[in-house]
Amino acid sequence: MKHCTIKWLGPNEVAIAGIVDEYADFSEFVRCAENTMIVDFSDVTRMNSSGIRSWIQTIMKHKIKLVLRNCSSVVVEQFSMIPEFVGKNGYVESFFVHFHCASCEYETRKLFVPGRDIQICESPHVSSRLTEACPKCSDALELDHNPDIYFAFLRFMKPRQVS
């Protein structure tokens, strides 16, 4: 997948896929100005600083409230480092966490829902191992991220306001 694709799933819901870079065009997001927009990030494979800047400028300029859904690890890394990525009133509804098997190199990802699978707090705790064994070799599946960095956004996330 090359450049960023944006697919409207409903009047206030989009799926973003591919590479979010200098060619990403978020201009249609104006239709969600001062409203809530649901964004599915499951298929975002890469982001660069130009794409991130364009994203932040768009959501800030139009005062878009965000619900971020199915965020790929590429996206999680960004909002863990750049809180503005989620916006002032944004909320991370769900995100993927990668696990791997050191024995056979099997990789998988698991969807986490804040408040259900992981606490929203100052020091969120995540086990470095999944309870399920590797389906290929039965060894332990281990977290493929630095938890202090990857889950940093949970320290600052507010509980979701349902409107």
Protein backbone atom coordinates (compact mmCIF):
# COMPACT_ATOMS: atom_id res chain seq x y z
CA MET A 1 0.00 0.00 0.00
CA LYS A 2 1.48 3.31 -1.00
CA HIS A 3 -0.05 6.61 -0.01
CA CYS A 4 -2.77 7.42 2.46
CA THR A 5 -6.31 6.43 1.56
CA ILE A 6 -9.34 7.79 3.36
CA LYS A 7 -12.61 5.93 3.08
CA TRP A 8 -15.78 7.47 4.49
CA LEU A 9 -17.78 4.76 6.29
CA GLY A 10 -20.54 7.12 7.41
CA PRO A 11 -21.19 10.85 7.86
CA ASN A 12 -18.73 11.07 10.74
CA GLU A 13 -16.67 7.89 10.40
CA VAL A 14 -13.55 7.23 8.32
CA ALA A 15 -11.00 4.48 7.80
CA ILE A 16 -7.47 5.66 7.09
CA ALA A 17 -4.99 3.23 5.51
CA GLY A 18 -1.51 3.21 4.04
CA ILE A 19 1.20 5.78 4.60
CA VAL A 20 0.26 9.08 6.23
CA ASP A 21 2.78 11.46 4.70
CA GLU A 22 3.03 14.83 2.93
CA TYR A 23 0.49 13.61 0.36
CA ALA A 24 -2.24 12.87 2.94
CA ASP A 25 -5.24 15.12 2.32
CA PHE A 26 -7.49 15.65 5.32
CA SER A 27 -9.40 18.59 3.81
CA GLU A 28 -12.70 16.66 3.72
CA PHE A 29 -12.58 16.45 7.51
CA VAL A 30 -14.09 19.94 7.55
CA ARG A 31 -17.48 18.20 7.39
CA CYS A 32 -16.88 17.07 10.97
CA ALA A 33 -15.89 20.53 12.23
CA GLU A 34 -16.76 20.97 15.91
CA ASN A 35 -18.27 17.46 15.97
CA THR A 36 -17.08 14.00 16.85
CA MET A 37 -15.37 11.92 14.19
CA ILE A 38 -14.62 8.20 14.51
CA VAL A 39 -11.35 7.20 12.86
CA ASP A 40 -10.29 3.60 12.18
CA PHE A 41 -6.49 3.42 11.95
CA SER A 42 -6.12 -0.37 11.68
CA ASP A 43 -4.45 -0.30 8.27
CA VAL A 44 -2.01 2.60 8.72
CA THR A 45 1.45 1.22 7.97
CA ARG A 46 3.67 4.28 8.34
CA MET A 47 3.58 7.96 9.26
CA ASN A 48 6.08 10.73 8.73
CA SER A 49 6.39 14.16 10.33
CA SER A 50 4.67 15.95 7.42
CA GLY A 51 1.64 13.67 7.61
CA ILE A 52 1.46 13.98 11.38
CA ARG A 53 1.69 17.78 11.16
CA SER A 54 -1.11 17.88 8.58
CA TRP A 55 -3.26 15.61 10.77
CA ILE A 56 -2.76 17.74 13.90
CA GLN A 57 -3.33 21.02 12.05
CA THR A 58 -6.57 19.70 10.58
CA ILE A 59 -8.08 18.41 13.80
CA MET A 60 -7.04 21.53 15.73
CA LYS A 61 -8.22 24.00 13.08
CA HIS A 62 -11.66 22.41 12.78
CA LYS A 63 -11.96 21.55 16.51
CA ILE A 64 -12.75 17.94 15.68
CA LYS A 65 -13.35 15.63 18.63
CA LEU A 66 -11.89 12.22 17.90
CA VAL A 67 -12.66 8.64 18.74
CA LEU A 68 -9.67 6.62 17.56
CA ARG A 69 -10.48 2.99 16.83
CA ASN A 70 -8.33 -0.06 16.01
CA CYS A 71 -5.12 1.96 16.07
CA SER A 72 -2.14 0.17 14.53
CA SER A 73 1.14 0.17 16.46
CA VAL A 74 2.46 2.86 14.10
CA VAL A 75 -0.33 5.18 15.24
CA VAL A 76 0.01 4.27 18.93
CA GLU A 77 3.69 5.17 18.81
CA GLN A 78 2.76 8.62 17.50
CA PHE A 79 0.16 9.52 20.09
CA SER A 80 2.33 8.10 22.86
CA MET A 81 5.00 10.64 21.84
CA ILE A 82 2.76 13.48 20.61
CA PRO A 83 -0.35 13.95 22.80
CA GLU A 84 -1.75 16.53 20.35
CA PHE A 85 -2.25 13.68 17.87
CA VAL A 86 -5.38 12.58 19.78
CA GLY A 87 -6.61 16.15 20.16
CA LYS A 88 -7.82 17.98 23.25
CA ASN A 89 -11.09 16.07 23.46
CA GLY A 90 -9.99 12.89 21.73
CA TYR A 91 -10.32 9.37 22.99
CA VAL A 92 -8.56 6.13 22.10
CA GLU A 93 -11.31 3.53 21.89
CA SER A 94 -9.08 0.59 20.93
CA PHE A 95 -5.54 -0.15 19.78
CA PHE A 96 -3.39 -3.07 18.73
CA VAL A 97 -0.51 -4.50 20.73
CA HIS A 98 2.06 -6.69 18.99
CA PHE A 99 3.38 -9.89 20.52
CA HIS A 100 6.04 -12.26 19.23
CA CYS A 101 7.49 -15.67 20.00
CA ALA A 102 11.23 -15.63 20.61
CA SER A 103 11.47 -19.35 19.83
CA CYS A 104 9.88 -19.53 16.37
CA GLU A 105 9.50 -15.84 15.43
CA TYR A 106 5.69 -16.07 15.17
CA GLU A 107 4.03 -12.64 15.43
CA THR A 108 0.49 -11.63 16.29
CA ARG A 109 -1.40 -8.60 17.42
CA LYS A 110 -4.16 -8.30 19.98
CA LEU A 111 -6.78 -5.56 20.21
CA PHE A 112 -6.83 -3.74 23.55
CA VAL A 113 -9.70 -1.61 24.83
CA PRO A 114 -8.68 0.95 27.49
CA GLY A 115 -10.67 0.46 30.67
CA ARG A 116 -11.37 -3.17 29.80
CA ASP A 117 -8.04 -4.78 28.83
CA ILE A 118 -5.75 -2.16 30.31
CA GLN A 119 -6.17 0.51 32.97
CA ILE A 120 -6.34 4.21 32.19
CA CYS A 121 -4.02 5.46 34.92
CA GLU A 122 -0.69 6.98 35.86
CA SER A 123 1.14 3.65 35.62
CA PRO A 124 -0.76 1.16 33.46
CA HIS A 125 0.33 -2.44 33.94
CA VAL A 126 0.58 -4.84 31.04
CA SER A 127 1.92 -8.33 31.35
CA SER A 128 4.94 -8.83 29.13
CA ARG A 129 3.46 -12.22 28.13
CA LEU A 130 0.13 -13.23 26.70
CA THR A 131 -1.80 -15.88 28.58
CA GLU A 132 -2.24 -17.80 25.31
CA ALA A 133 0.73 -19.87 24.11
CA CYS A 134 2.26 -19.54 20.65
CA PRO A 135 0.06 -21.49 18.22
CA LYS A 136 3.11 -22.71 16.30
CA CYS A 137 5.43 -23.95 19.05
CA SER A 138 3.49 -23.52 22.35
CA ASP A 139 6.16 -21.24 23.83
CA ALA A 140 5.25 -17.90 25.45
CA LEU A 141 4.22 -14.90 23.32
CA GLU A 142 5.99 -11.78 24.54
CA LEU A 143 5.25 -8.07 24.25
CA ASP A 144 7.02 -6.56 21.23
CA HIS A 145 7.13 -2.99 22.59
CA ASN A 146 8.77 -1.02 25.35
CA PRO A 147 5.72 -0.78 27.65
CA ASP A 148 6.84 2.49 29.27
CA ILE A 149 6.84 4.23 25.90
CA TYR A 150 4.09 2.36 24.05
CA PHE A 151 1.46 2.77 26.78
CA ALA A 152 2.50 6.28 27.84
CA PHE A 153 -0.67 7.83 26.38
CA LEU A 154 -2.78 6.01 29.01
CA ARG A 155 -1.28 8.24 31.70
CA PHE A 156 -2.89 11.30 30.19
CA MET A 157 -6.08 9.88 28.71
CA LYS A 158 -9.31 10.97 30.35
CA PRO A 159 -12.21 8.58 30.76
CA ARG A 160 -14.49 8.73 27.75
CA GLN A 161 -17.32 11.23 27.86
CA VAL A 162 -20.35 9.69 26.19
CA SER A 163 -22.45 12.30 24.40
